Amino acid sequence: MFGAIAGPVAVWRLPAGAERFLLVAGASVGSVLAVLRVVHVLWRYAGARPRRPLSPPPPARPGARGLLGMPERASCPRLEWR
């Protein structure tokens, strides 16, 4: 936004008062919009709910082999899927 407002200063020769006004206005508007964007992103992040798995993993089969050929471990009985 700063570039859109203060851009004419770099392109055209303007009176000193107009150049100063455009630079200050661009910096002000750009700063306010940057803060609003950060607040908006953080607000959305805080409101996001963690996703739960769609279904629990299948139970371990006795004698099944894992990825490296090692026997699979049984799931921990204390953990419950809700």
N, C-alpha and C. Protein backbone atom coordinates (compact mmCIF):
# COMPACT_ATOMS: atom_id res chain seq x y z
N MET A 1 0.82 -1.17 0.00
CA MET A 1 0.00 0.00 0.00
C MET A 1 0.88 1.25 0.00
N PHE A 2 2.02 1.14 0.68
CA PHE A 2 2.94 2.28 0.69
C PHE A 2 3.34 2.65 -0.73
N GLY A 3 3.67 1.67 -1.54
CA GLY A 3 4.08 1.93 -2.92
C GLY A 3 2.97 2.53 -3.76
N ALA A 4 1.75 2.14 -3.51
CA ALA A 4 0.63 2.68 -4.27
C ALA A 4 0.38 4.15 -3.94
N ILE A 5 0.55 4.50 -2.67
CA ILE A 5 0.30 5.89 -2.27
C ILE A 5 1.52 6.77 -2.53
N ALA A 6 2.71 6.30 -2.17
CA ALA A 6 3.91 7.12 -2.30
C ALA A 6 4.62 6.92 -3.63
N GLY A 7 4.14 6.06 -4.48
CA GLY A 7 4.77 5.80 -5.77
C GLY A 7 4.93 7.00 -6.66
N PRO A 8 3.94 7.88 -6.74
CA PRO A 8 4.09 9.06 -7.60
C PRO A 8 5.28 9.94 -7.23
N VAL A 9 5.72 9.89 -5.98
CA VAL A 9 6.88 10.68 -5.56
C VAL A 9 8.12 10.23 -6.32
N ALA A 10 8.25 8.94 -6.57
CA ALA A 10 9.42 8.42 -7.27
C ALA A 10 9.34 8.66 -8.78
N VAL A 11 8.14 8.84 -9.31
CA VAL A 11 7.96 8.96 -10.75
C VAL A 11 7.95 10.43 -11.21
N TRP A 12 7.19 11.26 -10.51
CA TRP A 12 7.02 12.64 -10.95
C TRP A 12 7.69 13.61 -9.98
N ARG A 13 7.95 14.77 -10.50
CA ARG A 13 8.48 15.85 -9.67
C ARG A 13 7.29 16.61 -9.10
N LEU A 14 7.09 16.52 -7.79
CA LEU A 14 5.96 17.16 -7.12
C LEU A 14 6.47 18.23 -6.16
N PRO A 15 5.62 19.13 -5.76
CA PRO A 15 6.03 20.11 -4.74
C PRO A 15 6.44 19.40 -3.44
N ALA A 16 7.32 20.03 -2.68
CA ALA A 16 7.86 19.43 -1.46
C ALA A 16 6.75 19.04 -0.48
N GLY A 17 5.75 19.87 -0.33
CA GLY A 17 4.64 19.57 0.59
C GLY A 17 3.85 18.34 0.15
N ALA A 18 3.63 18.21 -1.15
CA ALA A 18 2.89 17.05 -1.67
C ALA A 18 3.71 15.78 -1.51
N GLU A 19 5.01 15.87 -1.77
CA GLU A 19 5.88 14.69 -1.59
C GLU A 19 5.87 14.22 -0.14
N ARG A 20 6.02 15.17 0.76
CA ARG A 20 6.04 14.82 2.19
C ARG A 20 4.70 14.21 2.61
N PHE A 21 3.60 14.81 2.16
CA PHE A 21 2.27 14.29 2.49
C PHE A 21 2.09 12.86 1.98
N LEU A 22 2.47 12.59 0.74
CA LEU A 22 2.31 11.25 0.18
C LEU A 22 3.18 10.23 0.90
N LEU A 23 4.39 10.61 1.27
CA LEU A 23 5.26 9.69 2.00
C LEU A 23 4.69 9.36 3.39
N VAL A 24 4.24 10.39 4.10
CA VAL A 24 3.68 10.16 5.43
C VAL A 24 2.37 9.38 5.34
N ALA A 25 1.52 9.72 4.38
CA ALA A 25 0.25 9.00 4.23
C ALA A 25 0.50 7.54 3.85
N GLY A 26 1.44 7.29 2.95
CA GLY A 26 1.75 5.91 2.55
C GLY A 26 2.30 5.09 3.70
N ALA A 27 3.20 5.70 4.48
CA ALA A 27 3.76 4.99 5.63
C ALA A 27 2.68 4.72 6.68
N SER A 28 1.80 5.68 6.91
CA SER A 28 0.74 5.50 7.91
C SER A 28 -0.24 4.42 7.50
N VAL A 29 -0.73 4.52 6.30
CA VAL A 29 -1.72 3.53 5.82
C VAL A 29 -1.09 2.14 5.73
N GLY A 30 0.13 2.07 5.24
CA GLY A 30 0.82 0.78 5.15
C GLY A 30 1.04 0.15 6.51
N SER A 31 1.41 0.95 7.50
CA SER A 31 1.62 0.42 8.85
C SER A 31 0.32 -0.09 9.46
N VAL A 32 -0.74 0.69 9.31
CA VAL A 32 -2.04 0.27 9.88
C VAL A 32 -2.51 -1.03 9.22
N LEU A 33 -2.40 -1.11 7.91
CA LEU A 33 -2.84 -2.34 7.21
C LEU A 33 -1.97 -3.53 7.55
N ALA A 34 -0.68 -3.32 7.77
CA ALA A 34 0.19 -4.44 8.17
C ALA A 34 -0.21 -4.96 9.54
N VAL A 35 -0.48 -4.07 10.47
CA VAL A 35 -0.90 -4.50 11.81
C VAL A 35 -2.25 -5.23 11.73
N LEU A 36 -3.17 -4.70 10.95
CA LEU A 36 -4.47 -5.38 10.80
C LEU A 36 -4.31 -6.77 10.20
N ARG A 37 -3.40 -6.92 9.24
CA ARG A 37 -3.19 -8.23 8.63
C ARG A 37 -2.63 -9.22 9.64
N VAL A 38 -1.67 -8.79 10.45
CA VAL A 38 -1.10 -9.67 11.47
C VAL A 38 -2.16 -10.08 12.48
N VAL A 39 -2.97 -9.13 12.93
CA VAL A 39 -4.04 -9.44 13.89
C VAL A 39 -5.04 -10.42 13.27
N HIS A 40 -5.38 -10.22 12.02
CA HIS A 40 -6.33 -11.12 11.34
C HIS A 40 -5.78 -12.54 11.25
N VAL A 41 -4.52 -12.68 10.88
CA VAL A 41 -3.92 -14.01 10.76
C VAL A 41 -3.85 -14.69 12.13
N LEU A 42 -3.42 -13.95 13.16
CA LEU A 42 -3.35 -14.55 14.49
C LEU A 42 -4.72 -14.90 15.04
N TRP A 43 -5.71 -14.10 14.72
CA TRP A 43 -7.07 -14.39 15.16
C TRP A 43 -7.58 -15.67 14.52
N ARG A 44 -7.34 -15.83 13.22
CA ARG A 44 -7.75 -17.06 12.54
C ARG A 44 -7.01 -18.26 13.10
N TYR A 45 -5.71 -18.09 13.40
CA TYR A 45 -4.91 -19.20 13.93
C TYR A 45 -5.43 -19.62 15.30
N ALA A 46 -5.79 -18.66 16.14
CA ALA A 46 -6.27 -18.97 17.48
C ALA A 46 -7.64 -19.66 17.43
N GLY A 47 -8.44 -19.37 16.42
CA GLY A 47 -9.77 -19.95 16.33
C GLY A 47 -9.81 -21.28 15.62
N ALA A 48 -8.68 -21.71 15.06
CA ALA A 48 -8.66 -22.98 14.32
C ALA A 48 -8.77 -24.14 15.31
N ARG A 49 -9.57 -25.09 14.97
CA ARG A 49 -9.73 -26.27 15.81
C ARG A 49 -8.81 -27.37 15.31
N PRO A 50 -8.20 -28.12 16.22
CA PRO A 50 -7.35 -29.23 15.76
C PRO A 50 -8.20 -30.32 15.11
N ARG A 51 -7.67 -30.89 14.08
CA ARG A 51 -8.42 -31.94 13.38
C ARG A 51 -8.18 -33.29 14.05
N ARG A 52 -9.25 -34.03 14.16
CA ARG A 52 -9.16 -35.37 14.73
C ARG A 52 -9.06 -36.38 13.60
N PRO A 53 -8.44 -37.52 13.85
CA PRO A 53 -8.37 -38.54 12.80
C PRO A 53 -9.78 -39.04 12.46
N LEU A 54 -9.96 -39.43 11.22
CA LEU A 54 -11.27 -39.89 10.77
C LEU A 54 -11.64 -41.23 11.40
N SER A 55 -10.67 -42.08 11.58
CA SER A 55 -10.95 -43.37 12.20
C SER A 55 -9.70 -43.82 12.96
N PRO A 56 -9.88 -44.67 13.97
CA PRO A 56 -8.71 -45.14 14.71
C PRO A 56 -7.87 -46.08 13.85
N PRO A 57 -6.59 -46.21 14.16
CA PRO A 57 -5.75 -47.13 13.39
C PRO A 57 -6.20 -48.57 13.62
N PRO A 58 -5.97 -49.44 12.67
CA PRO A 58 -6.37 -50.84 12.87
C PRO A 58 -5.55 -51.47 13.99
N PRO A 59 -6.14 -52.41 14.73
CA PRO A 59 -5.39 -53.06 15.81
C PRO A 59 -4.25 -53.91 15.24
N ALA A 60 -3.21 -54.05 16.05
CA ALA A 60 -2.07 -54.86 15.62
C ALA A 60 -2.49 -56.33 15.55
N ARG A 61 -2.05 -57.01 14.50
CA ARG A 61 -2.35 -58.44 14.35
C ARG A 61 -1.21 -59.24 14.94
N PRO A 62 -1.51 -60.30 15.67
CA PRO A 62 -0.44 -61.14 16.22
C PRO A 62 0.40 -61.74 15.08
N GLY A 63 1.71 -61.61 15.18
CA GLY A 63 2.59 -62.18 14.19
C GLY A 63 2.79 -61.32 12.96
N ALA A 64 2.15 -60.17 12.89
CA ALA A 64 2.29 -59.32 11.72
C ALA A 64 3.68 -58.68 11.72
N ARG A 65 4.20 -58.45 10.52
CA ARG A 65 5.52 -57.84 10.38
C ARG A 65 5.35 -56.38 9.96
N GLY A 66 6.18 -55.53 10.53
CA GLY A 66 6.13 -54.11 10.22
C GLY A 66 6.93 -53.80 8.96
N LEU A 67 7.22 -52.54 8.77
CA LEU A 67 7.90 -52.05 7.59
C LEU A 67 9.31 -52.61 7.45
N LEU A 68 10.01 -52.78 8.56
CA LEU A 68 11.39 -53.26 8.53
C LEU A 68 11.50 -54.75 8.82
N GLY A 69 10.39 -55.45 8.80
CA GLY A 69 10.40 -56.89 9.05
C GLY A 69 10.38 -57.23 10.53
N MET A 70 10.26 -56.22 11.37
CA MET A 70 10.19 -56.45 12.81
C MET A 70 8.74 -56.72 13.20
N PRO A 71 8.52 -57.50 14.24
CA PRO A 71 7.14 -57.73 14.68
C PRO A 71 6.50 -56.41 15.12
N GLU A 72 5.22 -56.24 14.79
CA GLU A 72 4.52 -55.03 15.21
C GLU A 72 4.23 -55.09 16.70
N ARG A 73 4.25 -53.93 17.31
CA ARG A 73 3.92 -53.85 18.73
C ARG A 73 2.41 -53.67 18.88
N ALA A 74 1.88 -54.22 19.93
CA ALA A 74 0.46 -54.02 20.21
C ALA A 74 0.23 -52.58 20.65
N SER A 75 -0.93 -52.07 20.37
CA SER A 75 -1.22 -50.68 20.76
C SER A 75 -1.32 -50.60 22.27
N CYS A 76 -1.05 -49.44 22.79
CA CYS A 76 -1.10 -49.20 24.23
C CYS A 76 -2.55 -49.25 24.69
N PRO A 77 -2.88 -50.08 25.67
CA PRO A 77 -4.29 -50.19 26.09
C PRO A 77 -4.81 -48.94 26.77
N ARG A 78 -3.92 -48.07 27.27
CA ARG A 78 -4.38 -46.86 27.97
C ARG A 78 -4.87 -45.78 27.01
N LEU A 79 -4.42 -45.81 25.77
CA LEU A 79 -4.83 -44.79 24.83
C LEU A 79 -6.18 -45.16 24.21
N GLU A 80 -7.08 -44.24 24.22
CA GLU A 80 -8.40 -44.49 23.63
C GLU A 80 -8.64 -43.47 22.54
N TRP A 81 -9.24 -43.91 21.45
CA TRP A 81 -9.63 -43.00 20.37
C TRP A 81 -11.03 -42.52 20.61
N ARG A 82 -11.22 -41.23 20.53
CA ARG A 82 -12.55 -40.69 20.77
C ARG A 82 -13.04 -40.02 19.52
